[in-house]
N, C-alpha and C. Protein backbone atom coordinates (compact mmCIF):
# COMPACT_ATOMS: atom_id res chain seq x y z
N UNK A 1 15.38 3.11 5.43
CA UNK A 1 14.24 4.39 5.40
C UNK A 1 13.06 4.46 5.40
N UNK A 2 12.56 5.14 6.24
CA UNK A 2 11.47 4.29 7.40
C UNK A 2 10.09 5.61 6.41
N UNK A 3 8.64 4.41 6.02
CA UNK A 3 7.36 5.97 6.19
C UNK A 3 6.24 4.83 6.73
N UNK A 4 5.19 5.87 7.27
CA UNK A 4 4.33 5.00 7.54
C UNK A 4 3.20 6.10 7.65
N UNK A 5 1.44 5.40 7.21
CA UNK A 5 0.86 6.20 7.13
C UNK A 5 -0.27 5.73 7.50
N UNK A 6 -1.54 6.70 7.93
CA UNK A 6 -2.55 6.45 8.92
C UNK A 6 -3.74 6.64 8.23
N UNK A 7 -4.71 6.15 7.81
CA UNK A 7 -6.02 6.29 6.88
C UNK A 7 -7.16 5.84 7.86
N UNK A 8 -8.35 6.65 8.27
CA UNK A 8 -9.24 6.43 8.12
C UNK A 8 -10.23 5.43 7.64
N UNK A 9 -10.54 4.80 7.78
CA UNK A 9 -11.04 3.64 7.15
C UNK A 9 -12.40 3.54 6.39
N UNK A 10 -13.41 5.15 7.17
CA UNK A 10 -14.14 5.61 7.02
C UNK A 10 -14.09 6.04 5.87
N UNK A 11 -12.93 6.90 4.97
CA UNK A 11 -12.57 8.08 4.37
C UNK A 11 -12.46 6.50 3.10
N UNK A 12 -12.33 5.23 3.20
CA UNK A 12 -12.15 4.56 2.11
C UNK A 12 -13.33 4.36 1.88
N UNK A 13 -13.50 3.85 3.01
CA UNK A 13 -15.17 3.12 2.43
C UNK A 13 -16.45 4.27 1.62
N UNK A 14 -16.51 5.36 2.06
CA UNK A 14 -16.96 6.33 1.35
C UNK A 14 -16.23 6.11 -0.13
N UNK A 15 -15.38 6.06 -0.52
CA UNK A 15 -14.71 6.35 -1.29
C UNK A 15 -15.53 5.44 -2.51
N UNK A 16 -15.17 3.99 -1.55
CA UNK A 16 -16.22 2.67 -2.66
C UNK A 16 -17.05 2.93 -2.83
N UNK A 17 -18.25 3.25 -1.55
CA UNK A 17 -19.38 3.40 -1.92
C UNK A 17 -19.48 4.62 -3.12
N UNK A 18 -19.06 5.15 -3.35
CA UNK A 18 -19.26 6.45 -3.97
C UNK A 18 -18.92 5.65 -5.62
N UNK A 19 -18.16 5.24 -5.81
CA UNK A 19 -17.53 4.70 -7.20
C UNK A 19 -16.83 3.14 -7.17
N UNK A 20 -17.16 2.40 -6.31
CA UNK A 20 -17.13 1.49 -6.45
C UNK A 20 -15.76 0.96 -7.29
N UNK A 21 -16.00 -0.49 -7.97
CA UNK A 21 -13.93 -1.04 -8.11
C UNK A 21 -13.25 0.45 -8.65
N UNK A 22 -13.88 0.74 -9.46
CA UNK A 22 -13.15 2.32 -9.88
C UNK A 22 -12.56 2.79 -8.79
N UNK A 23 -13.25 3.06 -7.50
CA UNK A 23 -12.20 3.50 -6.28
C UNK A 23 -10.85 2.64 -6.14
N UNK A 24 -11.26 1.24 -6.02
CA UNK A 24 -10.63 0.50 -5.57
C UNK A 24 -8.78 0.15 -6.86
N UNK A 25 -9.80 -0.19 -8.52
CA UNK A 25 -8.61 0.12 -9.08
C UNK A 25 -7.66 1.32 -9.74
N UNK A 26 -8.44 2.41 -8.65
CA UNK A 26 -6.89 3.69 -8.71
C UNK A 26 -5.42 3.54 -8.26
N UNK A 27 -6.10 2.51 -7.06
CA UNK A 27 -4.52 2.39 -6.19
C UNK A 27 -4.21 0.70 -6.36
N UNK A 28 -5.47 -0.46 -6.74
CA UNK A 28 -4.99 -1.64 -6.80
C UNK A 28 -4.96 -2.02 -8.16
N UNK A 29 -4.36 -3.47 -8.44
CA UNK A 29 -3.85 -4.18 -9.13
C UNK A 29 -5.20 -5.06 -8.77
N UNK A 30 -5.73 -6.01 -10.64
CA UNK A 30 -6.67 -6.72 -9.82
C UNK A 30 -6.66 -7.72 -9.22
N UNK A 31 -5.24 -8.11 -9.24
CA UNK A 31 -4.65 -9.08 -8.14
C UNK A 31 -4.71 -9.21 -6.43
N UNK A 32 -4.47 -7.70 -6.31
CA UNK A 32 -5.02 -7.02 -4.88
C UNK A 32 -6.02 -6.63 -4.56
N UNK A 33 -6.96 -5.66 -5.46
CA UNK A 33 -8.69 -6.11 -5.45
C UNK A 33 -9.00 -7.27 -5.20
N UNK A 34 -8.52 -8.71 -5.47
CA UNK A 34 -9.21 -10.15 -5.10
C UNK A 34 -8.53 -10.40 -3.52
N UNK A 35 -7.82 -8.90 -3.08
CA UNK A 35 -7.32 -9.66 -1.43
C UNK A 35 -8.32 -8.70 -0.46
N UNK A 36 -8.83 -7.95 -1.26
CA UNK A 36 -9.84 -7.00 -0.34
C UNK A 36 -11.35 -6.96 -0.25
N UNK A 37 -11.44 -7.58 1.05
CA UNK A 37 -12.86 -8.28 1.67
C UNK A 37 -13.31 -7.71 2.04
N UNK A 38 -13.15 -6.18 2.40
CA UNK A 38 -14.03 -5.73 3.35
C UNK A 38 -13.50 -3.54 3.18
N UNK A 39 -13.35 -2.64 3.16
CA UNK A 39 -12.62 -1.47 3.38
C UNK A 39 -11.85 -1.57 4.47
N UNK A 40 -11.82 -2.12 5.62
CA UNK A 40 -10.78 -2.08 6.21
C UNK A 40 -9.72 -2.59 5.19
N UNK A 41 -9.34 -3.87 4.64
CA UNK A 41 -8.36 -4.13 4.35
C UNK A 41 -7.79 -3.07 3.05
N UNK A 42 -8.88 -3.23 2.42
CA UNK A 42 -8.26 -1.16 1.25
C UNK A 42 -7.97 -0.60 2.37
N UNK A 43 -8.56 0.19 3.52
CA UNK A 43 -7.75 1.13 3.42
C UNK A 43 -6.12 0.86 4.18
N UNK A 44 -6.10 -0.12 4.65
CA UNK A 44 -4.61 -0.55 5.12
C UNK A 44 -3.60 -1.00 4.02
N UNK A 45 -4.50 -1.26 3.25
CA UNK A 45 -3.11 -1.09 1.25
C UNK A 45 -3.33 0.39 1.32
N UNK A 46 -4.16 1.09 1.40
CA UNK A 46 -3.58 2.39 0.55
C UNK A 46 -3.11 2.73 1.52
N UNK A 47 -2.88 3.14 2.58
CA UNK A 47 -1.49 3.48 3.91
C UNK A 47 -0.19 2.73 3.53
N UNK A 48 -1.07 0.78 3.51
CA UNK A 48 0.64 0.51 2.45
C UNK A 48 1.70 1.29 1.85
N UNK A 49 0.47 1.80 0.80
CA UNK A 49 0.94 1.77 -0.43
C UNK A 49 1.44 4.02 -0.67
N UNK A 50 0.82 4.39 0.45
CA UNK A 50 1.37 5.97 0.98
C UNK A 50 2.43 5.25 1.39
N UNK A 51 2.79 4.80 2.21
CA UNK A 51 3.93 5.29 3.65
C UNK A 51 5.13 4.36 3.04
N UNK A 52 4.79 3.48 2.02
CA UNK A 52 6.05 3.14 1.10
C UNK A 52 6.61 4.11 0.59
N UNK A 53 4.98 4.43 -0.98
CA UNK A 53 6.21 5.88 -1.18
C UNK A 53 6.82 7.35 -0.52
N UNK A 54 6.26 7.29 0.94
CA UNK A 54 6.82 7.87 2.05
C UNK A 54 8.31 7.79 1.80
N UNK A 55 8.63 6.21 2.05
CA UNK A 55 9.71 5.44 2.91
C UNK A 55 11.14 6.17 1.67
N UNK A 56 10.73 6.31 0.11
CA UNK A 56 11.13 6.54 -0.74
C UNK A 56 11.01 7.92 -0.88
N UNK A 57 10.53 8.88 0.30
CA UNK A 57 10.92 9.78 -0.17
C UNK A 57 10.39 10.75 -1.28
N UNK A 58 9.62 9.99 -1.93
CA UNK A 58 8.90 11.18 -3.36
C UNK A 58 7.06 11.06 -3.66
N UNK A 59 6.67 9.93 -2.52
CA UNK A 59 5.34 10.28 -2.41
C UNK A 59 5.07 9.65 -3.57
N UNK A 60 3.63 9.10 -3.75
CA UNK A 60 2.86 8.67 -5.55
C UNK A 60 3.07 10.14 -6.14
N UNK A 61 3.94 9.34 -7.05
CA UNK A 61 3.26 10.53 -8.36
C UNK A 61 5.04 10.06 -9.44
N UNK A 62 5.03 10.55 -10.32
CA UNK A 62 5.84 10.55 -11.62
C UNK A 62 6.74 9.36 -11.43
N UNK A 63 7.53 9.24 -10.05
CA UNK A 63 8.48 8.51 -9.82
C UNK A 63 8.28 7.38 -9.18
N UNK A 64 7.20 7.54 -8.72
CA UNK A 64 6.70 6.04 -8.46
C UNK A 64 5.56 6.23 -7.87
N UNK A 65 4.11 5.59 -8.73
CA UNK A 65 2.74 5.26 -8.69
C UNK A 65 2.52 4.14 -7.49
N UNK A 66 0.63 4.17 -7.83
CA UNK A 66 -0.03 3.83 -7.06
C UNK A 66 0.75 1.58 -7.29
N UNK A 67 0.51 1.97 -8.44
CA UNK A 67 0.63 0.42 -9.63
C UNK A 67 2.08 0.05 -9.38
N UNK A 68 3.45 0.65 -9.32
CA UNK A 68 4.09 1.01 -9.02
C UNK A 68 4.53 -0.05 -7.88
N UNK A 69 3.87 0.15 -7.05
CA UNK A 69 3.62 -1.11 -5.40
C UNK A 69 3.36 -1.69 -5.83
N UNK A 70 3.40 -3.34 -5.27
CA UNK A 70 2.84 -4.28 -5.15
C UNK A 70 2.27 -4.32 -3.95
N UNK A 71 1.34 -5.02 -3.64
CA UNK A 71 0.57 -5.95 -2.67
C UNK A 71 0.58 -7.36 -2.47
N UNK A 72 0.93 -8.21 -1.73
CA UNK A 72 0.05 -9.69 -1.62
C UNK A 72 0.30 -9.62 -0.09
N UNK A 73 0.05 -11.21 -0.05
CA UNK A 73 -0.38 -12.29 1.96
C UNK A 73 0.65 -13.45 1.80
N UNK A 74 0.82 -13.61 2.58
CA UNK A 74 2.01 -14.09 2.28
C UNK A 74 1.28 -15.62 3.12
N UNK A 75 1.70 -16.95 2.58
CA UNK A 75 0.64 -18.27 2.98
C UNK A 75 -0.03 -18.19 4.66
N UNK A 76 0.99 -17.10 5.10
CA UNK A 76 0.27 -17.48 6.54
C UNK A 76 -0.62 -16.04 6.71
N UNK A 77 -0.42 -14.81 6.15
CA UNK A 77 -1.34 -14.00 6.01
C UNK A 77 -0.73 -12.55 5.90
N UNK A 78 -0.03 -12.72 6.23
CA UNK A 78 1.04 -10.97 6.56
C UNK A 78 1.04 -10.65 5.13
N UNK A 79 1.02 -9.48 5.27
CA UNK A 79 1.33 -8.81 4.23
C UNK A 79 2.69 -8.45 3.47
N UNK A 80 2.89 -8.57 2.52
CA UNK A 80 3.76 -8.82 1.44
C UNK A 80 4.09 -7.64 0.78
N UNK A 81 5.09 -6.58 0.65
CA UNK A 81 5.26 -5.56 -0.39
C UNK A 81 6.26 -5.79 -1.40
N UNK A 82 6.02 -5.72 -2.56
CA UNK A 82 7.47 -5.05 -3.54
C UNK A 82 7.44 -4.64 -4.31
N UNK A 83 8.16 -4.13 -5.08
CA UNK A 83 7.90 -3.09 -6.07
C UNK A 83 8.75 -3.51 -6.99
N UNK A 84 8.05 -2.68 -8.34
CA UNK A 84 8.15 -3.12 -9.81
C UNK A 84 10.12 -2.84 -10.38
N UNK A 85 10.68 -3.70 -10.70
CA UNK A 85 11.69 -3.42 -10.95
C UNK A 85 12.34 -2.37 -11.16
N UNK A 86 11.95 -1.59 -11.95
CA UNK A 86 12.05 -0.01 -12.60
C UNK A 86 12.04 1.16 -11.60
N UNK A 87 11.48 0.68 -10.35
CA UNK A 87 10.95 1.36 -9.45
C UNK A 87 12.19 0.22 -8.36
N UNK A 88 12.90 -0.26 -8.18
CA UNK A 88 13.90 -0.68 -7.39
C UNK A 88 15.05 -0.70 -7.90
N UNK A 89 15.30 -0.77 -8.72
CA UNK A 89 16.59 -0.16 -9.53
C UNK A 89 16.59 1.49 -9.30
N UNK A 90 15.59 2.33 -9.40
CA UNK A 90 15.51 3.30 -9.10
C UNK A 90 16.33 4.46 -8.18
N UNK A 91 15.33 3.65 -6.79
CA UNK A 91 16.29 4.30 -5.60
C UNK A 91 17.08 3.15 -5.42
N UNK A 92 17.26 2.25 -5.99
CA UNK A 92 18.27 0.83 -5.11
C UNK A 92 18.21 0.05 -4.09
N UNK A 93 16.81 0.09 -4.12
CA UNK A 93 15.96 -1.54 -2.53
C UNK A 93 16.55 -2.39 -3.09
N UNK A 94 17.10 -2.86 -2.16
CA UNK A 94 17.54 -4.27 -1.71
C UNK A 94 16.17 -5.07 -0.99
N UNK A 95 15.82 -4.85 0.14
CA UNK A 95 14.68 -5.65 1.10
C UNK A 95 13.88 -4.39 1.08
N UNK A 96 12.76 -5.18 2.02
CA UNK A 96 11.62 -4.45 1.80
C UNK A 96 10.33 -4.57 3.05
N UNK A 97 9.68 -4.27 3.77
CA UNK A 97 9.30 -5.12 5.21
C UNK A 97 8.01 -4.11 5.21
N UNK A 98 6.52 -4.61 5.71
CA UNK A 98 5.73 -3.97 6.11
C UNK A 98 4.75 -4.95 6.72
N UNK A 99 4.20 -3.37 7.92
CA UNK A 99 3.17 -4.00 8.49
C UNK A 99 2.14 -3.34 8.67
N UNK A 100 0.89 -3.98 8.68
CA UNK A 100 -0.30 -3.08 8.61
C UNK A 100 -1.07 -3.35 9.81
N UNK A 101 -1.66 -2.68 10.94
CA UNK A 101 -2.44 -3.09 11.72
C UNK A 101 -3.30 -2.10 12.06
N UNK A 102 -4.87 -1.87 12.30
CA UNK A 102 -6.19 -1.55 12.30
C UNK A 102 -6.59 -1.60 14.06
N UNK A 103 -6.82 -0.22 13.83
CA UNK A 103 -7.31 -0.37 15.32
C UNK A 103 -8.65 1.30 15.33
N UNK A 104 -9.85 0.44 16.01
CA UNK A 104 -10.63 1.20 15.63
C UNK A 104 -11.47 1.83 14.05
N UNK A 105 -11.51 2.99 14.38
CA UNK A 105 -11.90 3.64 12.78
C UNK A 105 -10.44 3.93 12.38
N UNK A 106 -9.40 3.34 12.08
CA UNK A 106 -8.21 3.63 11.74
C UNK A 106 -7.05 2.15 10.76
N UNK A 107 -6.44 3.20 9.82
CA UNK A 107 -6.10 1.63 9.59
C UNK A 107 -4.47 2.61 9.48
N UNK A 108 -3.51 1.46 9.68
CA UNK A 108 -2.19 2.11 9.65
C UNK A 108 -0.49 1.52 9.20
N UNK A 109 -0.11 1.61 8.52
CA UNK A 109 1.09 1.19 8.18
C UNK A 109 2.06 1.64 7.95
N UNK A 110 3.21 0.95 7.92
CA UNK A 110 5.30 1.34 8.52
C UNK A 110 5.76 0.07 7.62
N UNK A 111 6.45 1.56 6.57
CA UNK A 111 7.18 0.41 5.29
C UNK A 111 9.01 0.56 6.29
N UNK A 112 9.30 -0.17 5.64
CA UNK A 112 11.06 -0.41 5.87
C UNK A 112 11.48 -0.27 4.40
N UNK A 113 12.73 0.12 4.46
CA UNK A 113 13.28 -0.11 2.60
C UNK A 113 14.73 0.04 3.24
N UNK A 114 15.37 -0.95 2.38
CA UNK A 114 16.74 -1.35 2.24
C UNK A 114 17.72 -0.86 1.24
N UNK A 115 18.78 0.20 1.22
CA UNK A 115 19.19 0.38 0.68
C UNK A 115 20.30 -0.53 -0.22
N UNK A 116 21.14 -0.94 -1.03
CA UNK A 116 21.89 -1.85 -1.53
C UNK A 116 23.32 -1.12 -1.09
């Protein structure tokens, strides 16, 4: 299952300007917020979570919320995506892959999920 999302970095920057940390807390955990150094990174994380929900086929909502999708980084800085156990079991997910890229004004994320 594959999902992709594209977000304008300026949109996320504006959200952060207007709402500060509350904007980030809406879709990121404290550990994820600690990884965000710029609006560019926040936009990439937003796109990653949206792409994951699309790959699951449910979108962000009751079956899978923003905080059910967990982002971290490898020692080399590569993005890592994991799912809460309840979501992993519900959808039968055995493995996840994530790629985030930025180009100009946009952040793009692609997520691939494997079922058991």
